N, C-alpha and C. Protein backbone atom coordinates (compact mmCIF):
# COMPACT_ATOMS: atom_id res chain seq x y z
N UNK A 1 -23.32 11.68 7.95
CA UNK A 1 -23.65 13.05 8.17
C UNK A 1 -23.22 13.87 7.53
N UNK A 2 -22.13 13.80 7.24
CA UNK A 2 -20.96 14.68 6.01
C UNK A 2 -21.87 14.93 4.86
N UNK A 3 -22.39 13.57 4.46
CA UNK A 3 -23.20 13.53 3.05
C UNK A 3 -24.29 14.18 2.97
N UNK A 4 -25.16 14.34 4.09
CA UNK A 4 -26.18 14.97 4.68
C UNK A 4 -26.17 16.58 4.30
N UNK A 5 -25.04 16.88 5.07
CA UNK A 5 -24.80 18.12 4.96
C UNK A 5 -24.48 18.76 3.62
N UNK A 6 -23.69 18.03 3.00
CA UNK A 6 -23.18 18.50 1.57
C UNK A 6 -24.44 18.50 0.59
N UNK A 7 -25.18 17.46 0.61
CA UNK A 7 -26.74 17.48 -0.14
C UNK A 7 -27.68 18.85 0.37
N UNK A 8 -27.82 18.81 1.69
CA UNK A 8 -28.43 20.10 2.02
C UNK A 8 -27.93 21.60 1.45
N UNK A 9 -26.60 21.53 1.67
CA UNK A 9 -25.95 22.69 1.08
C UNK A 9 -25.91 23.02 -0.61
N UNK A 10 -25.84 21.86 -0.88
CA UNK A 10 -26.18 21.87 -2.51
C UNK A 10 -27.45 22.51 -2.88
N UNK A 11 -28.38 21.70 -2.14
CA UNK A 11 -30.02 22.13 -2.28
C UNK A 11 -30.33 23.60 -1.86
N UNK A 12 -29.52 24.12 -0.96
CA UNK A 12 -29.79 25.50 -0.60
C UNK A 12 -29.11 26.35 -1.61
N UNK A 13 -28.17 26.34 -1.96
CA UNK A 13 -27.29 26.95 -3.16
C UNK A 13 -28.20 26.72 -4.44
N UNK A 14 -28.88 25.82 -4.88
CA UNK A 14 -29.65 25.55 -6.22
C UNK A 14 -30.81 26.45 -5.82
N UNK A 15 -31.37 26.37 -4.69
CA UNK A 15 -32.74 27.21 -4.48
C UNK A 15 -32.46 28.62 -4.45
N UNK A 16 -30.97 29.17 -3.86
CA UNK A 16 -30.93 30.39 -4.00
C UNK A 16 -30.38 30.79 -5.54
N UNK A 17 -29.82 29.96 -6.38
CA UNK A 17 -29.88 30.32 -7.72
C UNK A 17 -31.10 30.77 -8.42
N UNK A 18 -32.11 29.68 -8.09
CA UNK A 18 -33.43 29.99 -8.76
C UNK A 18 -33.93 31.21 -8.21
N UNK A 19 -33.66 31.49 -6.87
CA UNK A 19 -34.49 32.86 -6.37
C UNK A 19 -34.01 33.69 -7.06
N UNK A 20 -32.75 33.86 -7.39
CA UNK A 20 -31.99 35.13 -7.70
C UNK A 20 -31.62 35.30 -9.15
N UNK A 21 -32.06 34.23 -9.97
CA UNK A 21 -32.06 33.92 -11.31
C UNK A 21 -33.02 34.76 -12.12
N UNK A 22 -34.15 35.24 -11.40
CA UNK A 22 -35.03 35.73 -12.01
C UNK A 22 -34.58 37.49 -11.94
N UNK A 23 -33.80 37.77 -10.73
CA UNK A 23 -33.17 39.16 -10.65
C UNK A 23 -31.83 39.41 -11.64
N UNK A 24 -31.78 40.09 -12.45
CA UNK A 24 -30.79 40.41 -13.02
C UNK A 24 -29.69 40.88 -12.30
N UNK A 25 -28.54 40.83 -12.59
CA UNK A 25 -27.23 41.49 -12.01
C UNK A 25 -27.34 43.15 -12.10
N UNK A 26 -27.23 44.05 -11.43
CA UNK A 26 -27.01 45.32 -11.50
C UNK A 26 -27.08 46.28 -12.98
N UNK A 27 -25.81 45.35 -13.49
CA UNK A 27 -24.99 45.60 -14.84
C UNK A 27 -26.54 45.53 -15.91
N UNK A 28 -26.79 44.30 -15.71
CA UNK A 28 -27.39 43.64 -16.64
C UNK A 28 -29.12 44.45 -16.88
N UNK A 29 -29.09 45.00 -15.43
CA UNK A 29 -30.57 45.64 -15.29
C UNK A 29 -30.56 47.03 -15.97
N UNK A 30 -29.30 47.47 -15.81
CA UNK A 30 -28.87 48.89 -16.53
C UNK A 30 -29.20 48.93 -18.01
N UNK A 31 -28.60 47.63 -18.82
CA UNK A 31 -28.83 47.21 -20.15
C UNK A 31 -30.09 47.35 -20.32
N UNK A 32 -31.12 46.42 -19.71
CA UNK A 32 -32.34 46.14 -20.11
C UNK A 32 -33.06 47.56 -20.03
N UNK A 33 -32.61 48.41 -19.27
CA UNK A 33 -33.47 49.48 -18.97
C UNK A 33 -32.83 50.55 -19.93
N UNK A 34 -32.00 50.57 -20.37
CA UNK A 34 -31.67 51.26 -21.49
C UNK A 34 -31.58 50.83 -22.85
N UNK A 35 -32.32 49.68 -23.00
CA UNK A 35 -32.54 48.79 -24.39
C UNK A 35 -32.48 49.78 -25.59
N UNK A 36 -33.27 50.42 -25.80
CA UNK A 36 -33.70 51.45 -26.92
C UNK A 36 -35.08 52.79 -26.41
N UNK A 37 -34.32 53.56 -27.41
CA UNK A 37 -35.15 55.01 -26.93
C UNK A 37 -35.42 55.59 -28.39
N UNK A 38 -36.58 54.73 -29.27
CA UNK A 38 -36.87 54.94 -30.20
C UNK A 38 -37.52 56.10 -30.50
N UNK A 39 -36.92 57.11 -31.38
CA UNK A 39 -37.55 58.45 -31.56
C UNK A 39 -37.86 58.60 -33.30
N UNK A 40 -39.12 59.14 -33.16
CA UNK A 40 -39.32 59.52 -34.62
C UNK A 40 -39.61 61.00 -34.89
N UNK A 41 -38.49 61.35 -35.69
CA UNK A 41 -38.31 62.61 -35.86
C UNK A 41 -38.47 63.32 -37.49
N UNK A 42 -38.36 64.57 -37.48
CA UNK A 42 -38.56 64.96 -38.66
C UNK A 42 -37.21 66.14 -38.75
N UNK A 43 -36.17 65.91 -39.77
CA UNK A 43 -35.44 66.96 -40.16
C UNK A 43 -35.36 67.43 -41.33
N UNK A 44 -34.94 68.84 -41.68
CA UNK A 44 -35.23 69.81 -42.59
C UNK A 44 -33.76 69.50 -43.36
N UNK A 45 -34.23 68.69 -44.76
CA UNK A 45 -32.89 68.89 -45.36
C UNK A 45 -32.36 69.98 -46.15
N UNK A 46 -31.27 70.33 -46.11
CA UNK A 46 -30.86 71.35 -47.02
C UNK A 46 -29.72 70.65 -47.99
N UNK A 47 -29.82 71.46 -49.59
CA UNK A 47 -28.99 70.84 -50.41
C UNK A 47 -29.49 69.65 -51.25
N UNK A 48 -30.78 69.61 -51.10
CA UNK A 48 -31.36 68.76 -51.95
C UNK A 48 -31.83 69.63 -53.29
N UNK A 49 -31.21 69.04 -54.48
CA UNK A 49 -31.11 69.80 -55.86
C UNK A 49 -32.04 69.05 -56.61
N UNK A 50 -32.34 67.91 -56.70
CA UNK A 50 -33.32 66.98 -57.53
C UNK A 50 -33.53 65.83 -56.97
N UNK A 51 -34.54 65.41 -57.21
CA UNK A 51 -35.17 64.00 -56.82
C UNK A 51 -34.00 62.69 -56.39
N UNK A 52 -33.45 62.25 -57.13
CA UNK A 52 -32.16 61.58 -56.89
C UNK A 52 -31.55 61.88 -55.48
N UNK A 53 -31.29 62.92 -55.22
CA UNK A 53 -30.67 63.49 -54.02
C UNK A 53 -31.57 62.88 -52.76
N UNK A 54 -32.76 62.53 -53.05
CA UNK A 54 -33.46 62.19 -51.85
C UNK A 54 -33.13 60.78 -51.70
N UNK A 55 -32.66 59.79 -52.65
CA UNK A 55 -32.13 58.53 -52.53
C UNK A 55 -31.00 58.33 -51.74
N UNK A 56 -30.13 59.44 -52.21
CA UNK A 56 -28.51 59.76 -51.66
C UNK A 56 -28.98 59.70 -50.02
N UNK A 57 -29.67 60.91 -49.61
CA UNK A 57 -30.05 60.86 -48.38
C UNK A 57 -30.41 59.63 -47.66
N UNK A 58 -31.51 59.20 -48.20
CA UNK A 58 -32.21 58.07 -47.67
C UNK A 58 -31.22 56.93 -47.44
N UNK A 59 -30.33 56.37 -48.40
CA UNK A 59 -29.45 55.50 -48.48
C UNK A 59 -28.41 55.75 -47.08
N UNK A 60 -28.00 57.06 -47.23
CA UNK A 60 -26.72 57.26 -46.30
C UNK A 60 -27.52 57.01 -45.18
N UNK A 61 -28.49 57.73 -44.62
CA UNK A 61 -29.22 57.46 -43.26
C UNK A 61 -29.33 56.32 -42.85
N UNK A 62 -29.94 55.47 -43.73
CA UNK A 62 -30.42 53.85 -43.59
C UNK A 62 -29.16 53.13 -42.93
N UNK A 63 -28.04 53.38 -43.53
CA UNK A 63 -27.09 52.97 -43.29
C UNK A 63 -25.87 52.90 -41.71
N UNK A 64 -26.72 54.06 -41.18
CA UNK A 64 -26.15 54.51 -39.95
C UNK A 64 -26.93 53.26 -38.66
N UNK A 65 -25.92 53.04 -38.08
CA UNK A 65 -26.04 52.22 -37.03
C UNK A 65 -27.04 52.62 -35.84
N UNK A 66 -28.60 52.21 -35.41
CA UNK A 66 -29.28 52.70 -34.76
C UNK A 66 -30.33 53.32 -35.34
N UNK A 67 -30.48 53.68 -36.80
CA UNK A 67 -31.35 53.92 -37.76
C UNK A 67 -32.42 52.98 -38.11
N UNK A 68 -33.85 53.17 -37.71
CA UNK A 68 -34.45 51.99 -38.12
C UNK A 68 -35.35 52.16 -39.19
N UNK A 69 -35.47 53.28 -39.70
CA UNK A 69 -36.13 53.74 -40.92
C UNK A 69 -35.93 55.16 -41.51
N UNK A 70 -35.93 55.46 -42.67
CA UNK A 70 -35.92 57.05 -43.19
C UNK A 70 -36.47 56.96 -44.39
N UNK A 71 -37.30 58.42 -44.72
CA UNK A 71 -37.90 58.33 -45.82
C UNK A 71 -37.57 60.12 -46.18
N UNK A 72 -36.99 60.22 -47.13
CA UNK A 72 -37.01 61.70 -47.48
C UNK A 72 -38.08 62.30 -48.46
N UNK A 73 -38.86 63.22 -48.21
CA UNK A 73 -39.55 63.81 -49.12
C UNK A 73 -39.25 64.70 -50.02
N UNK A 74 -39.24 64.49 -51.32
CA UNK A 74 -38.59 65.47 -52.59
C UNK A 74 -39.38 67.02 -52.33
N UNK A 75 -40.84 66.93 -52.15
CA UNK A 75 -41.35 68.00 -52.11
C UNK A 75 -41.36 69.23 -50.97
N UNK A 76 -41.49 68.39 -49.82
CA UNK A 76 -41.27 69.19 -48.49
C UNK A 76 -39.80 69.37 -48.28
N UNK A 77 -38.95 68.68 -48.56
CA UNK A 77 -37.57 68.75 -48.17
C UNK A 77 -37.23 68.11 -46.70
N UNK A 78 -38.22 67.30 -46.39
CA UNK A 78 -38.22 66.85 -45.08
C UNK A 78 -37.74 65.19 -45.03
N UNK A 79 -37.18 64.80 -44.02
CA UNK A 79 -36.73 63.84 -43.49
C UNK A 79 -37.60 62.83 -42.28
N UNK A 80 -38.32 61.71 -42.22
CA UNK A 80 -38.75 61.60 -41.37
C UNK A 80 -38.06 60.18 -40.96
N UNK A 81 -37.32 60.54 -39.89
CA UNK A 81 -36.41 59.38 -39.56
C UNK A 81 -36.93 58.62 -38.32
N UNK A 82 -36.84 57.19 -37.95
CA UNK A 82 -37.04 56.62 -36.66
C UNK A 82 -35.63 55.97 -36.39
N UNK A 83 -35.17 56.47 -35.19
CA UNK A 83 -33.96 56.05 -34.64
C UNK A 83 -34.06 55.84 -33.26
N UNK A 84 -32.83 54.98 -32.60
CA UNK A 84 -32.42 55.00 -31.35
C UNK A 84 -31.83 55.92 -31.11
N UNK A 85 -32.23 56.86 -29.98
CA UNK A 85 -31.24 58.07 -29.68
C UNK A 85 -30.14 57.78 -28.73
N UNK A 86 -30.46 56.69 -28.14
CA UNK A 86 -29.14 56.06 -27.14
C UNK A 86 -27.78 55.73 -28.21
N UNK A 87 -28.17 55.14 -29.36
CA UNK A 87 -27.09 55.00 -30.44
C UNK A 87 -26.66 56.04 -31.09
N UNK A 88 -27.68 56.82 -31.69
CA UNK A 88 -27.34 57.84 -32.62
C UNK A 88 -28.21 59.18 -31.79
N UNK A 89 -27.49 60.13 -31.28
CA UNK A 89 -28.38 61.28 -30.75
C UNK A 89 -28.56 62.06 -32.04
N UNK A 90 -29.84 63.01 -31.64
CA UNK A 90 -30.20 63.62 -33.01
C UNK A 90 -29.01 64.47 -33.52
N UNK A 91 -28.11 65.10 -32.60
CA UNK A 91 -26.83 65.75 -33.31
C UNK A 91 -25.98 65.13 -33.74
N UNK A 92 -25.68 63.78 -33.28
CA UNK A 92 -24.84 63.17 -34.24
C UNK A 92 -25.44 62.72 -35.59
N UNK A 93 -26.69 62.36 -35.40
CA UNK A 93 -27.52 62.03 -36.77
C UNK A 93 -27.48 63.31 -37.72
N UNK A 94 -27.52 64.48 -37.32
CA UNK A 94 -28.00 65.39 -38.09
C UNK A 94 -26.16 65.61 -38.68
N UNK A 95 -25.06 65.57 -37.81
CA UNK A 95 -23.94 65.56 -38.51
C UNK A 95 -23.15 64.76 -39.68
N UNK A 96 -24.02 63.55 -39.39
CA UNK A 96 -23.64 62.49 -40.08
C UNK A 96 -24.44 62.45 -41.54
N UNK A 97 -25.57 63.42 -41.38
CA UNK A 97 -26.36 63.59 -42.73
C UNK A 97 -25.94 64.59 -43.50
N UNK A 98 -25.18 65.60 -42.82
CA UNK A 98 -24.21 66.53 -43.57
C UNK A 98 -23.09 65.82 -44.00
N UNK A 99 -22.68 64.91 -43.74
CA UNK A 99 -21.16 64.33 -44.11
C UNK A 99 -21.61 63.50 -45.20
N UNK A 100 -22.72 63.35 -46.05
CA UNK A 100 -22.98 62.40 -46.81
C UNK A 100 -22.63 63.10 -47.96
N UNK A 101 -21.81 62.14 -48.82
CA UNK A 101 -21.40 63.01 -49.99
C UNK A 101 -22.17 63.26 -50.98
N UNK A 102 -22.28 64.46 -51.29
CA UNK A 102 -23.16 65.25 -52.30
C UNK A 102 -23.04 64.51 -53.67
N UNK A 103 -24.22 63.90 -54.38
CA UNK A 103 -24.11 63.40 -55.59
C UNK A 103 -23.80 64.23 -56.68
N UNK A 104 -23.62 65.99 -56.27
CA UNK A 104 -23.16 66.78 -57.39
C UNK A 104 -21.60 66.84 -57.19
N UNK A 105 -21.22 66.40 -56.24
CA UNK A 105 -19.74 66.33 -55.89
C UNK A 105 -19.21 68.21 -55.60
N UNK A 106 -18.30 68.22 -55.69
CA UNK A 106 -17.70 69.56 -55.38
C UNK A 106 -17.77 69.77 -53.74
N UNK A 107 -18.10 71.31 -54.02
CA UNK A 107 -18.57 71.93 -52.95
C UNK A 107 -19.76 71.72 -52.33
N UNK A 108 -20.45 70.86 -53.14
CA UNK A 108 -21.98 70.90 -52.44
C UNK A 108 -21.96 69.89 -51.23
N UNK A 109 -22.98 70.39 -50.28
CA UNK A 109 -23.13 69.27 -49.49
C UNK A 109 -24.69 69.41 -48.79
N UNK A 110 -25.24 68.42 -48.04
CA UNK A 110 -26.28 68.24 -47.55
C UNK A 110 -26.40 68.95 -46.00
N UNK A 111 -27.38 69.30 -45.56
CA UNK A 111 -27.36 69.51 -44.12
C UNK A 111 -28.83 68.86 -43.74
N UNK A 112 -28.86 68.88 -41.95
CA UNK A 112 -30.12 68.38 -41.44
C UNK A 112 -30.10 69.44 -40.26
N UNK A 113 -31.30 69.84 -40.14
CA UNK A 113 -32.03 70.69 -38.91
C UNK A 113 -32.93 70.25 -38.55
N UNK A 114 -33.07 69.59 -37.17
CA UNK A 114 -34.18 68.92 -36.24
C UNK A 114 -35.40 69.94 -36.20
N UNK A 115 -36.46 69.41 -36.27
CA UNK A 115 -37.48 70.09 -36.55
C UNK A 115 -38.63 69.65 -35.32
N UNK A 116 -38.70 70.84 -34.70
CA UNK A 116 -39.79 70.58 -33.28
C UNK A 116 -40.91 71.26 -33.43
N UNK A 117 -41.95 70.65 -33.09
CA UNK A 117 -43.57 71.50 -33.16
C UNK A 117 -43.50 72.09 -31.48
N UNK A 118 -44.17 73.22 -31.32
CA UNK A 118 -44.00 73.71 -30.03
C UNK A 118 -45.57 74.31 -30.01
N UNK A 119 -46.26 73.47 -29.06
CA UNK A 119 -47.77 73.87 -28.79
C UNK A 119 -48.33 75.12 -28.25
N UNK A 120 -49.63 75.67 -28.82
CA UNK A 120 -50.04 76.97 -28.39
C UNK A 120 -49.11 78.36 -28.75
N UNK A 121 -48.42 78.10 -29.89
CA UNK A 121 -47.57 79.34 -30.41
C UNK A 121 -48.01 80.33 -31.63
N UNK A 122 -48.88 79.69 -32.17
CA UNK A 122 -49.54 80.51 -33.38
C UNK A 122 -49.89 82.13 -33.10
N UNK A 123 -50.38 82.18 -31.99
CA UNK A 123 -50.61 83.56 -31.40
C UNK A 123 -49.69 84.61 -30.64
N UNK A 124 -48.82 83.91 -30.56
CA UNK A 124 -47.77 84.59 -29.49
C UNK A 124 -46.86 85.55 -30.03
N UNK A 125 -46.72 86.69 -29.16
CA UNK A 125 -45.80 87.75 -29.59
C UNK A 125 -44.58 87.30 -29.63
N UNK A 126 -43.48 88.40 -30.29
CA UNK A 126 -42.21 88.40 -30.81
C UNK A 126 -41.41 87.88 -29.32
N UNK A 127 -41.84 88.62 -28.51
CA UNK A 127 -41.00 88.25 -26.84
C UNK A 127 -41.00 86.85 -26.86
N UNK A 128 -42.15 86.20 -26.84
CA UNK A 128 -42.21 84.92 -26.55
C UNK A 128 -41.16 83.76 -27.44
N UNK A 129 -41.65 84.08 -28.44
CA UNK A 129 -40.43 83.35 -29.68
C UNK A 129 -39.12 83.51 -29.32
N UNK A 130 -38.96 84.60 -29.12
CA UNK A 130 -37.60 85.15 -28.88
C UNK A 130 -37.35 84.50 -27.50
N UNK A 131 -37.93 84.13 -26.62
CA UNK A 131 -37.54 83.41 -25.23
C UNK A 131 -37.39 82.16 -25.55
N UNK A 132 -38.16 81.33 -26.62
CA UNK A 132 -37.93 80.03 -26.79
C UNK A 132 -36.58 79.87 -27.66
N UNK A 133 -36.61 80.84 -28.53
CA UNK A 133 -35.19 80.69 -29.25
C UNK A 133 -34.17 80.73 -28.64
N UNK A 134 -34.07 81.83 -27.59
CA UNK A 134 -32.87 81.73 -26.51
C UNK A 134 -32.74 80.62 -25.84
N UNK A 135 -33.98 79.99 -25.46
CA UNK A 135 -34.04 78.57 -24.56
C UNK A 135 -33.31 77.68 -25.33
N UNK A 136 -33.18 77.45 -26.74
CA UNK A 136 -32.81 76.39 -27.37
C UNK A 136 -31.46 76.94 -27.56
N UNK A 137 -31.06 78.11 -27.93
CA UNK A 137 -29.89 78.55 -28.48
C UNK A 137 -28.72 78.61 -27.24
N UNK A 138 -29.16 78.39 -26.02
CA UNK A 138 -28.19 78.40 -25.12
C UNK A 138 -27.59 76.73 -24.69
N UNK A 139 -28.42 75.82 -25.39
CA UNK A 139 -28.48 74.29 -24.89
C UNK A 139 -26.90 74.22 -25.57
N UNK A 140 -25.89 73.66 -24.85
CA UNK A 140 -24.69 73.09 -25.63
C UNK A 140 -24.79 72.31 -26.87
N UNK A 141 -24.11 72.59 -27.72
CA UNK A 141 -24.23 71.71 -29.19
C UNK A 141 -25.43 72.18 -30.11
N UNK A 142 -26.12 73.56 -29.57
CA UNK A 142 -27.15 74.15 -30.67
C UNK A 142 -26.06 75.04 -31.39
N UNK A 143 -26.00 75.15 -32.51
CA UNK A 143 -25.32 76.22 -33.65
C UNK A 143 -26.32 77.36 -33.91
N UNK A 144 -27.49 77.06 -34.18
CA UNK A 144 -28.47 77.98 -34.72
C UNK A 144 -29.92 77.47 -34.43
N UNK A 145 -30.77 78.59 -34.51
CA UNK A 145 -32.37 78.03 -34.10
C UNK A 145 -33.27 78.83 -35.02
N UNK A 146 -33.95 78.52 -35.88
CA UNK A 146 -34.96 78.97 -36.79
C UNK A 146 -36.27 78.59 -36.45
N UNK A 147 -36.97 79.98 -36.43
CA UNK A 147 -38.31 79.90 -36.27
C UNK A 147 -39.21 79.80 -36.89
N UNK A 148 -40.50 79.04 -36.98
CA UNK A 148 -41.22 78.91 -38.13
C UNK A 148 -42.62 79.23 -37.32
N UNK A 149 -42.94 80.63 -37.43
CA UNK A 149 -44.37 81.03 -36.46
C UNK A 149 -45.56 80.13 -37.06
N UNK A 150 -45.77 80.10 -38.58
CA UNK A 150 -46.90 79.97 -39.22
C UNK A 150 -47.13 78.52 -38.81
N UNK A 151 -46.00 77.37 -38.46
CA UNK A 151 -46.17 76.24 -38.14
C UNK A 151 -46.14 75.86 -36.76
N UNK A 152 -45.87 77.13 -35.85
CA UNK A 152 -45.65 76.61 -34.64
C UNK A 152 -44.42 75.56 -34.07
N UNK A 153 -43.23 76.16 -35.23
CA UNK A 153 -42.36 75.11 -34.87
C UNK A 153 -41.18 75.90 -34.90
N UNK A 154 -39.93 75.15 -34.61
CA UNK A 154 -38.53 75.62 -34.56
C UNK A 154 -37.55 74.42 -35.42
N UNK A 155 -36.52 75.06 -35.90
CA UNK A 155 -35.72 74.14 -36.67
C UNK A 155 -34.36 74.27 -35.86
N UNK A 156 -33.55 72.95 -35.58
CA UNK A 156 -32.42 73.29 -34.68
C UNK A 156 -31.44 72.84 -35.59
N UNK A 157 -30.30 73.68 -35.81
CA UNK A 157 -28.89 73.28 -36.34
C UNK A 157 -28.00 72.75 -35.75
N UNK A 158 -27.15 71.79 -35.40
CA UNK A 158 -26.37 71.52 -34.54
C UNK A 158 -25.01 71.76 -34.57
N UNK A 159 -24.13 72.16 -33.85
CA UNK A 159 -22.66 72.35 -34.12
C UNK A 159 -21.93 70.90 -34.41
N UNK A 160 -20.71 70.99 -34.21
CA UNK A 160 -19.99 69.83 -34.44
C UNK A 160 -19.63 68.75 -33.10
N UNK A 161 -19.73 69.41 -32.15
CA UNK A 161 -19.24 69.09 -30.81
C UNK A 161 -20.54 68.62 -29.89
N UNK A 162 -20.41 67.06 -29.26
CA UNK A 162 -21.34 66.80 -28.59
C UNK A 162 -22.30 65.79 -28.98
N UNK A 163 -23.12 65.43 -28.22
CA UNK A 163 -24.20 64.43 -28.58
C UNK A 163 -25.61 64.84 -27.96
N UNK A 164 -26.04 65.93 -28.41
CA UNK A 164 -27.53 66.34 -27.70
C UNK A 164 -28.44 65.67 -28.56
N UNK A 165 -29.48 65.30 -27.45
CA UNK A 165 -30.59 64.68 -28.09
C UNK A 165 -31.91 65.42 -28.00
N UNK A 166 -32.55 65.09 -29.24
CA UNK A 166 -33.79 65.72 -29.19
C UNK A 166 -34.50 65.88 -27.83
N UNK A 167 -34.55 64.83 -26.94
CA UNK A 167 -35.37 64.85 -25.90
C UNK A 167 -34.91 65.56 -25.07
N UNK A 168 -33.33 65.97 -24.60
CA UNK A 168 -32.91 67.33 -23.79
C UNK A 168 -33.13 68.69 -24.44
N UNK A 169 -33.51 68.81 -25.80
CA UNK A 169 -34.08 69.96 -26.00
C UNK A 169 -35.59 70.21 -25.63
N UNK A 170 -36.36 68.99 -25.81
CA UNK A 170 -37.83 69.07 -25.60
C UNK A 170 -37.78 69.40 -23.96
N UNK A 171 -36.84 68.84 -23.09
CA UNK A 171 -37.08 68.96 -21.72
C UNK A 171 -36.86 70.33 -21.45
N UNK A 172 -35.82 70.98 -22.11
CA UNK A 172 -35.40 72.45 -21.92
C UNK A 172 -36.24 73.12 -22.00
N UNK A 173 -36.98 72.75 -23.22
CA UNK A 173 -38.14 73.64 -23.44
C UNK A 173 -39.40 73.86 -22.51
N UNK A 174 -39.49 72.51 -21.83
CA UNK A 174 -40.73 72.09 -20.99
C UNK A 174 -40.28 72.64 -19.67
N UNK A 175 -38.92 72.94 -19.30
CA UNK A 175 -38.54 73.77 -18.26
C UNK A 175 -38.86 75.04 -18.52
N UNK A 176 -38.87 75.83 -19.31
CA UNK A 176 -38.86 77.04 -19.56
C UNK A 176 -40.40 77.61 -20.06
N UNK A 177 -41.53 76.46 -20.00
CA UNK A 177 -42.70 76.91 -20.37
C UNK A 177 -43.18 76.67 -21.58
N UNK A 178 -42.49 75.79 -22.30
CA UNK A 178 -42.95 75.48 -23.65
C UNK A 178 -43.15 74.13 -23.57
N UNK A 179 -44.23 73.51 -24.16
CA UNK A 179 -44.37 72.19 -24.35
C UNK A 179 -44.29 71.72 -26.00
N UNK A 180 -43.16 70.80 -26.24
CA UNK A 180 -42.74 70.65 -27.41
C UNK A 180 -42.61 69.28 -27.75
N UNK A 181 -42.82 68.63 -29.06
CA UNK A 181 -42.78 67.50 -29.49
C UNK A 181 -41.88 67.45 -31.10
N UNK A 182 -41.86 66.22 -31.54
CA UNK A 182 -41.21 65.97 -32.62
C UNK A 182 -42.50 66.10 -33.50
N UNK A 183 -41.96 66.34 -34.49
CA UNK A 183 -43.14 66.38 -35.66
C UNK A 183 -43.48 65.23 -36.53
């Protein structure tokens, strides 16, 4: 009888492990949910003095953990970067680009402004643009905001503290009544 009870208990425990094996523990669930948050964003790159500078910035960006791809265009001075914003938020990425040693050396440096496109802004008045700029400027981690009316866009320059994501900026704009996306 004892042997039968032990066999039944083992069978019950085995069945329970099969049932719960499909359900990961809560900590593992959280990791699965936060697996990746790939973002494809445009950064306006400052400090590019010659075409080889683009390769210097590209190589630097591609070496950053969380960056999937990076392409810097000499003519537009824009970098299109695909990255996991959970590993490297836009603010941190911008600061890492700025920390890239300049190929000209000395006091020269690169910079990176996150570019966001804002829908339905081409014909808006200055007060609307000022509200948009003020909304972004209030976000912790934003150092400066530049408005590009003709392109219905804004450039965001970050300060050195924090880990602000582009998604947080887009959400803040949405809350203020603006629909923004990545370029």
